[in-house]
Amino acid sequence: MILDYCMEQLMKKLALLGLLNVAMMASESGWYVGGDVGRTKEKDETSTGNHYSNTSTAYSAKIGYYFDNNVRGYAFYQHINRGDFAKPTNAYGGGCDYLFGDNAFKPFLGAIVGYSVYKNGNYKQDGLAYGGQVGINYGLNEHFSVDAGYRYLFSDATYKSGNYKEEITSFQSFFAGVNYKF
């Protein structure tokens, strides 16, 4: 009888501890939306040996999920203004960041994979973009944080016509943005 009572009390305490742990994890995880603006340098190479680069303003929107205080995943859309090119470039994809530390100021490192498209009439240059980013995240309060960083993506976005080939080889960006966690 005493053993049954002790087991019952132990099970209640373990259940309560489990509920507190789930509640604590729930406060660390959650959905978020964000946006950033930055300067992006896009590099192109052609089969004739010409090299082009375009630096312009880029805007990004993302929706993501914080799995805990240190890991977040997201989907994004990025619009790179046309700059010296005839039309803008658009990119879509996803990424995952690891945020270091347990305080408001967190350096982060992330991996990104996406798809970029440049289209001007019948001319279409599209393909895979992949790479990483490094930056700083600063939590302003329970809901808002700001990011600043550097992103480098390799690209194989290609246009081919006969023997002519043009390829976007990379995107490099310095960016700053804001996130809202629900």
N, C-alpha and C. Protein backbone atom coordinates (compact mmCIF):
# COMPACT_ATOMS: atom_id res chain seq x y z
N MET A 1 0.81 -1.18 0.00
CA MET A 1 0.00 0.00 0.00
C MET A 1 0.87 1.26 0.00
N ILE A 2 1.88 1.30 0.84
CA ILE A 2 2.78 2.44 0.88
C ILE A 2 3.54 2.53 -0.44
N LEU A 3 3.94 1.37 -0.99
CA LEU A 3 4.64 1.34 -2.27
C LEU A 3 3.75 1.90 -3.38
N ASP A 4 2.47 1.53 -3.37
CA ASP A 4 1.52 2.05 -4.36
C ASP A 4 1.39 3.56 -4.25
N TYR A 5 1.30 4.05 -3.00
CA TYR A 5 1.18 5.49 -2.77
C TYR A 5 2.43 6.23 -3.28
N CYS A 6 3.61 5.69 -2.98
CA CYS A 6 4.87 6.31 -3.43
C CYS A 6 4.97 6.31 -4.95
N MET A 7 4.57 5.21 -5.57
CA MET A 7 4.60 5.13 -7.04
C MET A 7 3.62 6.15 -7.65
N GLU A 8 2.45 6.27 -7.04
CA GLU A 8 1.46 7.23 -7.53
C GLU A 8 1.99 8.66 -7.44
N GLN A 9 2.61 9.01 -6.32
CA GLN A 9 3.16 10.34 -6.14
C GLN A 9 4.31 10.60 -7.11
N LEU A 10 5.16 9.58 -7.31
CA LEU A 10 6.27 9.70 -8.25
C LEU A 10 5.75 9.92 -9.67
N MET A 11 4.74 9.17 -10.07
CA MET A 11 4.17 9.31 -11.41
C MET A 11 3.55 10.70 -11.60
N LYS A 12 2.89 11.22 -10.58
CA LYS A 12 2.32 12.57 -10.66
C LYS A 12 3.41 13.62 -10.85
N LYS A 13 4.49 13.47 -10.09
CA LYS A 13 5.59 14.43 -10.18
C LYS A 13 6.29 14.34 -11.54
N LEU A 14 6.47 13.12 -12.05
CA LEU A 14 7.07 12.95 -13.38
C LEU A 14 6.17 13.54 -14.47
N ALA A 15 4.86 13.32 -14.34
CA ALA A 15 3.93 13.89 -15.31
C ALA A 15 3.97 15.41 -15.28
N LEU A 16 4.00 15.99 -14.08
CA LEU A 16 4.08 17.44 -13.94
C LEU A 16 5.39 17.97 -14.53
N LEU A 17 6.49 17.29 -14.25
CA LEU A 17 7.78 17.68 -14.80
C LEU A 17 7.75 17.61 -16.33
N GLY A 18 7.13 16.57 -16.88
CA GLY A 18 7.00 16.45 -18.33
C GLY A 18 6.19 17.58 -18.92
N LEU A 19 5.09 17.95 -18.28
CA LEU A 19 4.27 19.07 -18.77
C LEU A 19 5.03 20.38 -18.70
N LEU A 20 5.78 20.60 -17.64
CA LEU A 20 6.58 21.83 -17.54
C LEU A 20 7.64 21.87 -18.63
N ASN A 21 8.26 20.75 -18.92
CA ASN A 21 9.27 20.68 -19.97
C ASN A 21 8.66 20.99 -21.33
N VAL A 22 7.48 20.41 -21.62
CA VAL A 22 6.80 20.69 -22.89
C VAL A 22 6.43 22.16 -22.98
N ALA A 23 5.93 22.73 -21.89
CA ALA A 23 5.57 24.16 -21.89
C ALA A 23 6.80 25.02 -22.12
N MET A 24 7.92 24.65 -21.50
CA MET A 24 9.15 25.43 -21.69
C MET A 24 9.63 25.32 -23.14
N MET A 25 9.57 24.12 -23.71
CA MET A 25 9.99 23.95 -25.10
C MET A 25 9.06 24.73 -26.03
N ALA A 26 7.77 24.74 -25.72
CA ALA A 26 6.82 25.46 -26.57
C ALA A 26 7.12 26.95 -26.58
N SER A 27 7.59 27.50 -25.46
CA SER A 27 7.90 28.93 -25.44
C SER A 27 9.13 29.25 -26.27
N GLU A 28 10.03 28.27 -26.45
CA GLU A 28 11.24 28.49 -27.24
C GLU A 28 10.98 28.28 -28.73
N SER A 29 10.03 27.43 -29.07
CA SER A 29 9.75 27.15 -30.48
C SER A 29 8.56 27.98 -30.94
N GLY A 30 8.41 28.10 -32.25
CA GLY A 30 7.27 28.82 -32.79
C GLY A 30 7.52 29.37 -34.18
N TRP A 31 6.45 29.73 -34.83
CA TRP A 31 6.49 30.28 -36.18
C TRP A 31 6.98 31.72 -36.15
N TYR A 32 7.59 32.14 -37.25
CA TYR A 32 8.00 33.54 -37.38
C TYR A 32 7.93 33.97 -38.84
N VAL A 33 7.86 35.27 -39.03
CA VAL A 33 7.95 35.88 -40.36
C VAL A 33 9.06 36.92 -40.29
N GLY A 34 9.66 37.18 -41.43
CA GLY A 34 10.75 38.16 -41.44
C GLY A 34 10.96 38.75 -42.81
N GLY A 35 11.73 39.79 -42.83
CA GLY A 35 12.10 40.43 -44.08
C GLY A 35 13.46 41.07 -43.93
N ASP A 36 14.17 41.17 -45.04
CA ASP A 36 15.44 41.88 -45.00
C ASP A 36 15.68 42.63 -46.30
N VAL A 37 16.60 43.54 -46.22
CA VAL A 37 17.02 44.34 -47.37
C VAL A 37 18.54 44.36 -47.37
N GLY A 38 19.10 44.41 -48.56
CA GLY A 38 20.56 44.42 -48.62
C GLY A 38 21.07 44.75 -50.00
N ARG A 39 22.38 44.69 -50.13
CA ARG A 39 23.06 44.89 -51.41
C ARG A 39 23.55 43.54 -51.89
N THR A 40 23.19 43.19 -53.11
CA THR A 40 23.55 41.89 -53.68
C THR A 40 24.37 42.09 -54.94
N LYS A 41 25.46 41.36 -55.02
CA LYS A 41 26.30 41.36 -56.22
C LYS A 41 26.10 40.02 -56.92
N GLU A 42 25.67 40.12 -58.17
CA GLU A 42 25.40 38.94 -59.00
C GLU A 42 26.49 38.86 -60.06
N LYS A 43 27.16 37.71 -60.18
CA LYS A 43 28.24 37.55 -61.17
C LYS A 43 27.81 36.59 -62.27
N ASP A 44 28.08 36.99 -63.52
CA ASP A 44 27.77 36.17 -64.70
C ASP A 44 29.03 35.90 -65.50
N GLU A 45 29.07 34.74 -66.16
CA GLU A 45 30.14 34.40 -67.10
C GLU A 45 29.50 33.86 -68.37
N THR A 46 30.15 34.12 -69.51
CA THR A 46 29.64 33.62 -70.79
C THR A 46 30.65 32.67 -71.42
N SER A 47 30.16 31.89 -72.38
CA SER A 47 31.03 30.95 -73.10
C SER A 47 32.02 31.68 -74.00
N THR A 48 31.79 32.97 -74.25
CA THR A 48 32.73 33.76 -75.07
C THR A 48 33.81 34.42 -74.22
N GLY A 49 33.80 34.16 -72.90
CA GLY A 49 34.83 34.69 -72.02
C GLY A 49 34.50 36.01 -71.37
N ASN A 50 33.32 36.55 -71.62
CA ASN A 50 32.92 37.81 -70.99
C ASN A 50 32.45 37.56 -69.56
N HIS A 51 32.70 38.54 -68.70
CA HIS A 51 32.27 38.49 -67.31
C HIS A 51 31.46 39.75 -67.02
N TYR A 52 30.34 39.56 -66.34
CA TYR A 52 29.49 40.69 -65.96
C TYR A 52 29.23 40.60 -64.47
N SER A 53 29.03 41.75 -63.87
CA SER A 53 28.55 41.76 -62.49
C SER A 53 27.55 42.89 -62.34
N ASN A 54 26.63 42.69 -61.45
CA ASN A 54 25.58 43.65 -61.20
C ASN A 54 25.39 43.75 -59.69
N THR A 55 25.49 44.94 -59.16
CA THR A 55 25.23 45.15 -57.74
C THR A 55 23.99 46.00 -57.61
N SER A 56 23.03 45.50 -56.87
CA SER A 56 21.78 46.23 -56.70
C SER A 56 21.14 45.88 -55.37
N THR A 57 20.05 46.55 -55.08
CA THR A 57 19.32 46.32 -53.84
C THR A 57 18.46 45.07 -53.97
N ALA A 58 18.41 44.29 -52.90
CA ALA A 58 17.60 43.08 -52.88
C ALA A 58 16.70 43.11 -51.65
N TYR A 59 15.50 42.56 -51.81
CA TYR A 59 14.52 42.47 -50.74
C TYR A 59 14.12 41.02 -50.57
N SER A 60 14.00 40.57 -49.33
CA SER A 60 13.61 39.19 -49.05
C SER A 60 12.46 39.15 -48.06
N ALA A 61 11.59 38.16 -48.23
CA ALA A 61 10.54 37.86 -47.26
C ALA A 61 10.67 36.38 -46.92
N LYS A 62 10.44 36.05 -45.65
CA LYS A 62 10.56 34.65 -45.25
C LYS A 62 9.52 34.30 -44.20
N ILE A 63 9.19 33.02 -44.19
CA ILE A 63 8.34 32.46 -43.14
C ILE A 63 9.08 31.24 -42.63
N GLY A 64 9.13 31.10 -41.31
CA GLY A 64 9.92 30.01 -40.76
C GLY A 64 9.44 29.54 -39.42
N TYR A 65 10.24 28.65 -38.85
CA TYR A 65 9.90 28.04 -37.57
C TYR A 65 11.15 27.92 -36.72
N TYR A 66 11.07 28.41 -35.48
CA TYR A 66 12.13 28.19 -34.50
C TYR A 66 11.85 26.84 -33.85
N PHE A 67 12.75 25.88 -34.04
CA PHE A 67 12.59 24.56 -33.43
C PHE A 67 12.95 24.59 -31.95
N ASP A 68 13.86 25.47 -31.60
CA ASP A 68 14.22 25.77 -30.22
C ASP A 68 14.93 27.12 -30.24
N ASN A 69 15.61 27.50 -29.17
CA ASN A 69 16.28 28.81 -29.13
C ASN A 69 17.44 28.92 -30.11
N ASN A 70 17.94 27.79 -30.62
CA ASN A 70 19.15 27.83 -31.41
C ASN A 70 19.01 27.34 -32.85
N VAL A 71 17.89 26.78 -33.23
CA VAL A 71 17.73 26.25 -34.59
C VAL A 71 16.45 26.81 -35.21
N ARG A 72 16.60 27.36 -36.42
CA ARG A 72 15.42 27.84 -37.15
C ARG A 72 15.53 27.39 -38.61
N GLY A 73 14.39 27.11 -39.19
CA GLY A 73 14.30 26.79 -40.61
C GLY A 73 13.31 27.74 -41.25
N TYR A 74 13.45 27.98 -42.56
CA TYR A 74 12.58 28.96 -43.21
C TYR A 74 12.51 28.73 -44.72
N ALA A 75 11.44 29.27 -45.30
CA ALA A 75 11.29 29.37 -46.75
C ALA A 75 11.36 30.85 -47.09
N PHE A 76 11.94 31.18 -48.26
CA PHE A 76 12.11 32.59 -48.60
C PHE A 76 11.79 32.88 -50.06
N TYR A 77 11.51 34.15 -50.30
CA TYR A 77 11.41 34.73 -51.65
C TYR A 77 12.32 35.95 -51.64
N GLN A 78 13.16 36.09 -52.68
CA GLN A 78 14.04 37.25 -52.78
C GLN A 78 13.88 37.89 -54.15
N HIS A 79 13.77 39.21 -54.15
CA HIS A 79 13.69 40.00 -55.38
C HIS A 79 14.95 40.86 -55.45
N ILE A 80 15.76 40.64 -56.49
CA ILE A 80 16.98 41.43 -56.69
C ILE A 80 16.69 42.44 -57.80
N ASN A 81 16.72 43.73 -57.46
CA ASN A 81 16.45 44.77 -58.46
C ASN A 81 17.35 44.61 -59.67
N ARG A 82 16.94 45.17 -60.79
CA ARG A 82 17.65 44.95 -62.04
C ARG A 82 19.02 45.62 -62.09
N GLY A 83 19.23 46.71 -61.38
CA GLY A 83 20.52 47.38 -61.44
C GLY A 83 20.91 47.68 -62.88
N ASP A 84 22.06 47.19 -63.33
CA ASP A 84 22.52 47.40 -64.70
C ASP A 84 21.89 46.43 -65.70
N PHE A 85 21.20 45.40 -65.22
CA PHE A 85 20.59 44.41 -66.11
C PHE A 85 19.22 44.91 -66.57
N ALA A 86 18.68 44.30 -67.61
CA ALA A 86 17.41 44.73 -68.17
C ALA A 86 16.22 44.41 -67.27
N LYS A 87 16.31 43.34 -66.53
CA LYS A 87 15.19 42.89 -65.68
C LYS A 87 15.73 42.44 -64.32
N PRO A 88 14.84 42.32 -63.31
CA PRO A 88 15.28 41.84 -62.00
C PRO A 88 15.46 40.31 -61.98
N THR A 89 16.11 39.83 -60.95
CA THR A 89 16.25 38.39 -60.71
C THR A 89 15.42 38.04 -59.48
N ASN A 90 14.77 36.89 -59.52
CA ASN A 90 13.99 36.41 -58.38
C ASN A 90 14.55 35.07 -57.92
N ALA A 91 14.52 34.84 -56.62
CA ALA A 91 15.01 33.58 -56.06
C ALA A 91 14.01 33.07 -55.02
N TYR A 92 13.89 31.75 -54.95
CA TYR A 92 12.99 31.08 -54.02
C TYR A 92 13.77 29.95 -53.37
N GLY A 93 13.48 29.62 -52.13
CA GLY A 93 14.19 28.50 -51.53
C GLY A 93 13.93 28.35 -50.06
N GLY A 94 14.88 27.67 -49.41
CA GLY A 94 14.77 27.42 -47.99
C GLY A 94 16.14 27.40 -47.35
N GLY A 95 16.14 27.52 -46.04
CA GLY A 95 17.39 27.51 -45.31
C GLY A 95 17.21 27.07 -43.88
N CYS A 96 18.33 26.84 -43.24
CA CYS A 96 18.35 26.46 -41.83
C CYS A 96 19.54 27.16 -41.18
N ASP A 97 19.31 27.80 -40.04
CA ASP A 97 20.35 28.51 -39.32
C ASP A 97 20.54 27.91 -37.94
N TYR A 98 21.78 27.91 -37.48
CA TYR A 98 22.09 27.59 -36.09
C TYR A 98 22.52 28.88 -35.41
N LEU A 99 21.82 29.25 -34.35
CA LEU A 99 22.12 30.46 -33.58
C LEU A 99 22.87 30.06 -32.32
N PHE A 100 24.06 30.61 -32.12
CA PHE A 100 24.92 30.25 -31.00
C PHE A 100 24.57 31.06 -29.76
N GLY A 101 24.49 30.39 -28.61
CA GLY A 101 24.30 31.08 -27.34
C GLY A 101 22.87 31.03 -26.84
N ASP A 102 22.70 31.54 -25.63
CA ASP A 102 21.39 31.56 -24.99
C ASP A 102 21.00 32.95 -24.51
N ASN A 103 21.63 33.98 -25.07
CA ASN A 103 21.27 35.34 -24.66
C ASN A 103 20.66 36.08 -25.85
N ALA A 104 20.42 37.35 -25.71
CA ALA A 104 19.78 38.14 -26.77
C ALA A 104 20.68 38.32 -27.99
N PHE A 105 21.98 38.32 -27.80
CA PHE A 105 22.95 38.54 -28.87
C PHE A 105 23.48 37.18 -29.33
N LYS A 106 23.11 36.75 -30.57
CA LYS A 106 23.46 35.41 -31.03
C LYS A 106 24.08 35.45 -32.43
N PRO A 107 25.34 35.07 -32.56
CA PRO A 107 25.89 34.86 -33.90
C PRO A 107 25.18 33.66 -34.53
N PHE A 108 25.06 33.65 -35.86
CA PHE A 108 24.45 32.49 -36.51
C PHE A 108 25.20 32.10 -37.76
N LEU A 109 25.02 30.83 -38.13
CA LEU A 109 25.62 30.22 -39.31
C LEU A 109 24.53 29.39 -39.96
N GLY A 110 24.38 29.52 -41.29
CA GLY A 110 23.29 28.80 -41.93
C GLY A 110 23.62 28.28 -43.31
N ALA A 111 22.79 27.35 -43.76
CA ALA A 111 22.88 26.77 -45.10
C ALA A 111 21.60 27.12 -45.86
N ILE A 112 21.75 27.37 -47.17
CA ILE A 112 20.63 27.80 -48.01
C ILE A 112 20.66 27.02 -49.31
N VAL A 113 19.50 26.65 -49.80
CA VAL A 113 19.37 26.08 -51.15
C VAL A 113 18.14 26.71 -51.79
N GLY A 114 18.25 27.04 -53.07
CA GLY A 114 17.13 27.71 -53.73
C GLY A 114 17.21 27.60 -55.24
N TYR A 115 16.34 28.34 -55.88
CA TYR A 115 16.20 28.35 -57.33
C TYR A 115 16.11 29.81 -57.75
N SER A 116 16.93 30.24 -58.71
CA SER A 116 16.90 31.63 -59.17
C SER A 116 16.45 31.71 -60.61
N VAL A 117 15.76 32.80 -60.95
CA VAL A 117 15.22 33.00 -62.29
C VAL A 117 15.47 34.44 -62.73
N TYR A 118 16.08 34.59 -63.90
CA TYR A 118 16.21 35.89 -64.57
C TYR A 118 15.54 35.71 -65.92
N LYS A 119 14.55 36.55 -66.23
CA LYS A 119 13.81 36.40 -67.48
C LYS A 119 13.63 37.76 -68.15
N ASN A 120 13.93 37.81 -69.44
CA ASN A 120 13.76 39.01 -70.25
C ASN A 120 13.25 38.56 -71.61
N GLY A 121 11.93 38.62 -71.80
CA GLY A 121 11.34 38.13 -73.04
C GLY A 121 11.55 36.63 -73.17
N ASN A 122 12.15 36.19 -74.30
CA ASN A 122 12.43 34.76 -74.50
C ASN A 122 13.72 34.32 -73.80
N TYR A 123 14.49 35.26 -73.30
CA TYR A 123 15.75 34.95 -72.62
C TYR A 123 15.44 34.57 -71.18
N LYS A 124 15.78 33.34 -70.81
CA LYS A 124 15.52 32.88 -69.45
C LYS A 124 16.77 32.19 -68.91
N GLN A 125 17.24 32.68 -67.79
CA GLN A 125 18.42 32.14 -67.12
C GLN A 125 17.96 31.66 -65.75
N ASP A 126 17.92 30.34 -65.53
CA ASP A 126 17.42 29.82 -64.27
C ASP A 126 18.22 28.60 -63.84
N GLY A 127 18.19 28.33 -62.54
CA GLY A 127 18.90 27.17 -62.01
C GLY A 127 19.05 27.20 -60.50
N LEU A 128 19.82 26.25 -60.02
CA LEU A 128 20.04 26.05 -58.59
C LEU A 128 20.96 27.12 -58.01
N ALA A 129 20.65 27.52 -56.79
CA ALA A 129 21.53 28.42 -56.01
C ALA A 129 21.68 27.78 -54.64
N TYR A 130 22.91 27.71 -54.14
CA TYR A 130 23.16 27.07 -52.85
C TYR A 130 24.38 27.69 -52.19
N GLY A 131 24.38 27.69 -50.88
CA GLY A 131 25.51 28.27 -50.17
C GLY A 131 25.21 28.45 -48.71
N GLY A 132 25.74 29.53 -48.14
CA GLY A 132 25.58 29.74 -46.72
C GLY A 132 25.54 31.20 -46.34
N GLN A 133 25.30 31.41 -45.07
CA GLN A 133 25.29 32.77 -44.54
C GLN A 133 25.83 32.76 -43.12
N VAL A 134 26.33 33.91 -42.72
CA VAL A 134 26.85 34.11 -41.38
C VAL A 134 26.36 35.48 -40.92
N GLY A 135 26.03 35.60 -39.65
CA GLY A 135 25.54 36.89 -39.19
C GLY A 135 25.32 36.95 -37.70
N ILE A 136 24.62 37.99 -37.29
CA ILE A 136 24.30 38.25 -35.89
C ILE A 136 22.79 38.44 -35.79
N ASN A 137 22.18 37.80 -34.80
CA ASN A 137 20.77 37.98 -34.48
C ASN A 137 20.71 38.61 -33.10
N TYR A 138 19.90 39.66 -32.97
CA TYR A 138 19.73 40.31 -31.67
C TYR A 138 18.26 40.33 -31.31
N GLY A 139 17.90 39.68 -30.20
CA GLY A 139 16.52 39.65 -29.74
C GLY A 139 16.17 40.93 -29.01
N LEU A 140 15.22 41.68 -29.57
CA LEU A 140 14.79 42.93 -28.95
C LEU A 140 13.84 42.68 -27.79
N ASN A 141 12.97 41.69 -27.96
CA ASN A 141 12.04 41.28 -26.91
C ASN A 141 11.56 39.86 -27.25
N GLU A 142 10.49 39.44 -26.63
CA GLU A 142 9.97 38.08 -26.83
C GLU A 142 9.53 37.82 -28.28
N HIS A 143 9.14 38.86 -29.01
CA HIS A 143 8.61 38.67 -30.36
C HIS A 143 9.53 39.18 -31.47
N PHE A 144 10.23 40.27 -31.26
CA PHE A 144 11.02 40.89 -32.33
C PHE A 144 12.51 40.62 -32.17
N SER A 145 13.14 40.36 -33.32
CA SER A 145 14.60 40.27 -33.37
C SER A 145 15.08 40.89 -34.67
N VAL A 146 16.34 41.28 -34.71
CA VAL A 146 16.94 41.83 -35.92
C VAL A 146 18.13 40.95 -36.31
N ASP A 147 18.35 40.85 -37.62
CA ASP A 147 19.46 40.09 -38.18
C ASP A 147 20.32 41.02 -39.02
N ALA A 148 21.61 40.75 -39.08
CA ALA A 148 22.51 41.40 -40.03
C ALA A 148 23.56 40.36 -40.39
N GLY A 149 23.95 40.34 -41.68
CA GLY A 149 24.94 39.33 -42.04
C GLY A 149 25.39 39.40 -43.48
N TYR A 150 26.10 38.33 -43.86
CA TYR A 150 26.66 38.16 -45.19
C TYR A 150 26.23 36.80 -45.71
N ARG A 151 25.81 36.77 -46.97
CA ARG A 151 25.33 35.54 -47.61
C ARG A 151 26.09 35.32 -48.91
N TYR A 152 26.55 34.09 -49.15
CA TYR A 152 27.22 33.75 -50.41
C TYR A 152 26.54 32.51 -50.98
N LEU A 153 26.05 32.64 -52.21
CA LEU A 153 25.41 31.52 -52.89
C LEU A 153 26.10 31.23 -54.20
N PHE A 154 26.43 29.98 -54.44
CA PHE A 154 26.89 29.53 -55.75
C PHE A 154 25.65 29.36 -56.61
N SER A 155 25.81 29.47 -57.92
CA SER A 155 24.65 29.35 -58.80
C SER A 155 25.05 28.64 -60.09
N ASP A 156 24.09 27.91 -60.64
CA ASP A 156 24.28 27.34 -61.98
C ASP A 156 23.14 27.76 -62.90
N ALA A 157 22.53 28.92 -62.59
CA ALA A 157 21.45 29.44 -63.43
C ALA A 157 22.02 29.73 -64.82
N THR A 158 21.49 29.06 -65.84
CA THR A 158 22.11 29.06 -67.16
C THR A 158 21.10 29.39 -68.26
N TYR A 159 21.60 30.11 -69.26
CA TYR A 159 20.89 30.33 -70.52
C TYR A 159 21.76 29.74 -71.62
N LYS A 160 21.14 28.95 -72.53
CA LYS A 160 21.88 28.37 -73.66
C LYS A 160 21.11 28.65 -74.94
N SER A 161 21.87 29.00 -75.98
CA SER A 161 21.31 29.17 -77.32
C SER A 161 22.40 28.76 -78.30
N GLY A 162 22.24 27.60 -78.93
CA GLY A 162 23.29 27.10 -79.82
C GLY A 162 24.55 26.82 -79.03
N ASN A 163 25.67 27.40 -79.47
CA ASN A 163 26.94 27.23 -78.76
C ASN A 163 27.15 28.27 -77.67
N TYR A 164 26.27 29.26 -77.60
CA TYR A 164 26.41 30.33 -76.62
C TYR A 164 25.80 29.90 -75.28
N LYS A 165 26.51 30.20 -74.21
CA LYS A 165 26.03 29.88 -72.86
C LYS A 165 26.37 31.05 -71.94
N GLU A 166 25.40 31.41 -71.11
CA GLU A 166 25.62 32.43 -70.08
C GLU A 166 25.14 31.86 -68.75
N GLU A 167 25.97 32.04 -67.71
CA GLU A 167 25.66 31.44 -66.42
C GLU A 167 25.88 32.44 -65.29
N ILE A 168 24.88 32.51 -64.38
CA ILE A 168 25.08 33.24 -63.13
C ILE A 168 25.93 32.33 -62.25
N THR A 169 27.09 32.79 -61.82
CA THR A 169 27.99 31.94 -61.04
C THR A 169 27.85 32.13 -59.53
N SER A 170 27.43 33.33 -59.11
CA SER A 170 27.31 33.54 -57.66
C SER A 170 26.45 34.76 -57.34
N PHE A 171 25.95 34.75 -56.11
CA PHE A 171 25.27 35.89 -55.50
C PHE A 171 25.97 36.15 -54.17
N GLN A 172 26.34 37.39 -53.92
CA GLN A 172 26.92 37.78 -52.63
C GLN A 172 26.09 38.92 -52.07
N SER A 173 25.71 38.81 -50.81
CA SER A 173 24.83 39.83 -50.21
C SER A 173 25.27 40.22 -48.81
N PHE A 174 25.17 41.50 -48.53
CA PHE A 174 25.19 42.01 -47.16
C PHE A 174 23.75 42.41 -46.88
N PHE A 175 23.21 42.00 -45.74
CA PHE A 175 21.79 42.23 -45.48
C PHE A 175 21.53 42.59 -44.03
N ALA A 176 20.37 43.21 -43.80
CA ALA A 176 19.87 43.49 -42.46
C ALA A 176 18.36 43.33 -42.51
N GLY A 177 17.79 42.82 -41.43
CA GLY A 177 16.35 42.60 -41.45
C GLY A 177 15.76 42.46 -40.07
N VAL A 178 14.46 42.24 -40.05
CA VAL A 178 13.71 42.11 -38.80
C VAL A 178 12.84 40.85 -38.88
N ASN A 179 12.65 40.19 -37.73
CA ASN A 179 11.82 39.00 -37.63
C ASN A 179 10.77 39.21 -36.54
N TYR A 180 9.60 38.61 -36.75
CA TYR A 180 8.55 38.62 -35.74
C TYR A 180 8.16 37.18 -35.43
N LYS A 181 8.34 36.77 -34.19
CA LYS A 181 7.99 35.42 -33.74
C LYS A 181 6.62 35.45 -33.08
N PHE A 182 5.73 34.59 -33.54
CA PHE A 182 4.37 34.53 -32.99
C PHE A 182 4.34 33.87 -31.63
